Amino acid sequence: MPNHSHHLELFDPKKACSLTVIGLGAIGSVVVESFARVGFDDITAIDHDSVSSHNVPMSAYGIHDVGFLKAQKLHDRVLELTGIEIKIKSEKYQGEKLSSKVVISCVDDMDPRKEMWQNVQDRTSIELFCDSRLAGAYVEILTVRPGAEVDKDRYNALLCDQKDTVRQTCGKHGIIYASLYAGSVLVANVLEYLESGVVRKWRDARRCDTLSQVF
């Protein structure tokens, strides 16, 4: 198993919890791999889709993964890199009950987000819900405590019908530095919550081409 001694003061893998990631594209693939690398060994990854050639430049998949199911190829990659065997479901999320301590949405469309939220918002066993949104170089990460009424109210205000969203055009859908940044912010928020109980930023949104001004 990996040696985590160099980040024990930043995050102790003993504090890792169960988590479910729904959507294994640009952000989801990065998120699952990152959690496994820091010591999470109870990860459920859900996606019904296959790897397309356009996924490769902005995700954790390689060119030889094209045509295969995302969940299976991510399972194989994480196992090879970390020795951790994630649980996978190569199926579309359709509102099934979720029981992990942390639930993460990395889907493209609003309707499955709403389905997840309906499942999550009143479940006391789910401590954190993270919603990642990516549009070109614009990233938005929402870290929600389902048990906190203020978080629930804020998040409900940011849900809308699918027909009211703007679909990104080909050529402006996403890019690797945005995927990596979104995944990093999401993972960092979860780790800090598990270490300290603090949600540092309920909402983090910015264009990634300003990263040099952020760090």
Foldseek 3Di string as FASTA:
>chain_A
DDDLVVCVVVFNLVLAWAEEEEDCALQNLLQVLVSLVNRHQRYEYEEQDADDPVRDQRHPDHPVRGPPQRQVRSQVVSCVVRVHGYHYDNDHDDLDADQIQEYEYPDAFQVVVVSVCVRPLPDPSHQWYWYWYDWQQKIKIAIAGSVDPVRVVVVVVVGDHRVPDDDHDPPRGYGHVSSNVNSVVNNSQVRCCSVPVDRPDRMDIDGNVCVVVVD
